[in-house]
Amino acid sequence: MSVKTHQEIEVWYVIPAIRREMVLELKKRNVNQKEAARLLGLTEAAVSQYMSGKRGTDVKFEPQMKAEIKKSVGAILKGANVMEEIHRLTTFCRRKGTLCRIHRKMGDVPKECKVCLR
């Protein structure tokens, strides 16, 4: 197994997991697939894959992170920029140590890791 960097884990696993949670939250709010794709800047095919569990399932978030994702979905529905919300969520993920916990499950975290602020 090759050692993955924090950036690789964030881009390949965390961001897709965030998008999946966003799609699922939009679905709970009765937003259809086409509208979810438009709101999140994704293709309908990607939304379909998130909904069916074919994409973004490698990371399971803690309740606190899921609550933040729910807040972001509410903000996006009110017109917030989706990329700014994803950035806010990835920053939250690093600040709360979630990224380091995910990294420990998927690879070796450097001893002097300074990515997470915790």
Protein backbone atom coordinates (compact mmCIF):
# COMPACT_ATOMS: atom_id res chain seq x y z
CA MET A 1 0.00 0.00 0.00
CA SER A 2 1.42 3.37 -0.95
CA VAL A 3 1.41 6.11 1.66
CA LYS A 4 -1.19 8.73 0.84
CA THR A 5 -0.65 12.38 1.67
CA HIS A 6 -3.23 14.53 3.48
CA GLN A 7 -3.89 16.33 0.20
CA GLU A 8 -4.55 13.06 -1.64
CA ILE A 9 -6.90 11.86 1.09
CA GLU A 10 -8.73 15.18 1.11
CA VAL A 11 -9.13 15.32 -2.69
CA TRP A 12 -9.81 11.62 -3.37
CA TYR A 13 -11.87 10.73 -0.30
CA VAL A 14 -12.98 13.63 1.91
CA ILE A 15 -14.33 16.00 -0.75
CA PRO A 16 -16.28 13.21 -2.52
CA ALA A 17 -17.69 12.16 0.87
CA ILE A 18 -18.73 15.77 1.56
CA ARG A 19 -20.41 15.97 -1.84
CA ARG A 20 -22.18 12.66 -1.22
CA GLU A 21 -23.52 13.89 2.12
CA MET A 22 -24.66 17.11 0.42
CA VAL A 23 -26.49 15.14 -2.26
CA LEU A 24 -28.16 12.93 0.34
CA GLU A 25 -29.20 15.98 2.38
CA LEU A 26 -30.67 17.62 -0.74
CA LYS A 27 -32.56 14.40 -1.44
CA LYS A 28 -33.97 14.48 2.12
CA ARG A 29 -35.17 18.00 1.34
CA ASN A 30 -36.96 16.72 -1.79
CA VAL A 31 -34.56 18.37 -4.25
CA ASN A 32 -34.57 16.38 -7.48
CA GLN A 33 -31.45 15.01 -9.14
CA LYS A 34 -31.29 17.66 -11.87
CA GLU A 35 -31.61 20.53 -9.37
CA ALA A 36 -29.08 18.92 -7.00
CA ALA A 37 -26.60 18.72 -9.89
CA ARG A 38 -27.17 22.38 -10.72
CA LEU A 39 -26.84 23.52 -7.10
CA LEU A 40 -23.63 21.56 -6.49
CA GLY A 41 -22.03 22.15 -9.89
CA LEU A 42 -22.00 18.43 -10.69
CA THR A 43 -23.28 16.31 -13.54
CA GLU A 44 -26.52 14.42 -13.09
CA ALA A 45 -24.51 11.21 -13.53
CA ALA A 46 -22.28 12.14 -10.57
CA VAL A 47 -25.32 12.95 -8.44
CA SER A 48 -26.83 9.60 -9.41
CA GLN A 49 -23.61 7.82 -8.36
CA TYR A 50 -23.57 9.64 -5.01
CA MET A 51 -27.23 8.74 -4.43
CA SER A 52 -26.69 5.08 -5.27
CA GLY A 53 -23.59 4.72 -3.09
CA LYS A 54 -21.16 4.20 -5.98
CA ARG A 55 -19.12 7.29 -5.13
CA GLY A 56 -17.93 9.01 -1.95
CA THR A 57 -18.56 6.13 0.44
CA ASP A 58 -15.00 5.51 1.70
CA VAL A 59 -15.28 8.08 4.50
CA LYS A 60 -17.86 8.04 7.28
CA PHE A 61 -18.26 11.37 9.08
CA GLU A 62 -18.98 11.95 12.73
CA PRO A 63 -22.28 13.63 13.73
CA GLN A 64 -20.60 17.04 14.21
CA MET A 65 -19.29 17.01 10.62
CA LYS A 66 -22.68 15.86 9.30
CA ALA A 67 -24.32 18.78 11.13
CA GLU A 68 -21.90 21.19 9.44
CA ILE A 69 -22.69 19.65 6.04
CA LYS A 70 -26.39 20.11 6.76
CA LYS A 71 -25.75 23.81 7.54
CA SER A 72 -23.84 24.18 4.28
CA VAL A 73 -26.68 22.63 2.29
CA GLY A 74 -29.07 25.14 3.87
CA ALA A 75 -26.71 27.96 2.93
CA ILE A 76 -26.39 26.66 -0.66
CA LEU A 77 -30.18 26.53 -0.97
CA LYS A 78 -30.18 30.21 0.03
CA GLY A 79 -27.60 31.09 -2.65
CA ALA A 80 -24.21 30.51 -1.00
CA ASN A 81 -21.34 29.50 -3.25
CA VAL A 82 -20.88 25.73 -3.18
CA MET A 83 -17.08 25.90 -3.52
CA GLU A 84 -16.84 28.28 -0.58
CA GLU A 85 -18.98 25.88 1.47
CA ILE A 86 -16.81 22.90 0.50
CA HIS A 87 -13.73 24.92 1.48
CA ARG A 88 -15.36 25.78 4.82
CA LEU A 89 -16.14 22.11 5.40
CA THR A 90 -12.65 20.87 4.55
CA THR A 91 -11.21 23.52 6.88
CA PHE A 92 -13.62 22.37 9.59
CA CYS A 93 -12.52 18.79 8.92
CA ARG A 94 -8.85 19.73 9.42
CA ARG A 95 -9.52 21.98 12.43
CA LYS A 96 -11.47 19.27 14.28
CA GLY A 97 -8.82 16.60 13.59
CA THR A 98 -11.16 14.61 11.36
CA LEU A 99 -8.72 14.61 8.46
CA CYS A 100 -5.98 13.16 10.66
CA ARG A 101 -8.33 10.44 11.95
CA ILE A 102 -9.25 9.54 8.36
CA HIS A 103 -5.57 9.58 7.40
CA ARG A 104 -4.68 7.20 10.25
CA LYS A 105 -7.21 4.71 8.89
CA MET A 106 -5.90 4.98 5.32
CA GLY A 107 -2.17 5.41 5.73
CA ASP A 108 0.67 6.64 7.88
CA VAL A 109 0.41 10.13 9.34
CA PRO A 110 3.80 11.87 9.59
CA LYS A 111 4.98 12.27 13.21
CA GLU A 112 5.31 16.04 12.85
CA CYS A 113 1.99 16.53 11.04
CA LYS A 114 0.85 20.14 11.11
CA VAL A 115 -2.12 19.85 8.74
CA CYS A 116 -4.71 19.53 11.47
CA LEU A 117 -4.70 22.33 13.98
CA ARG A 118 -5.34 19.93 16.83
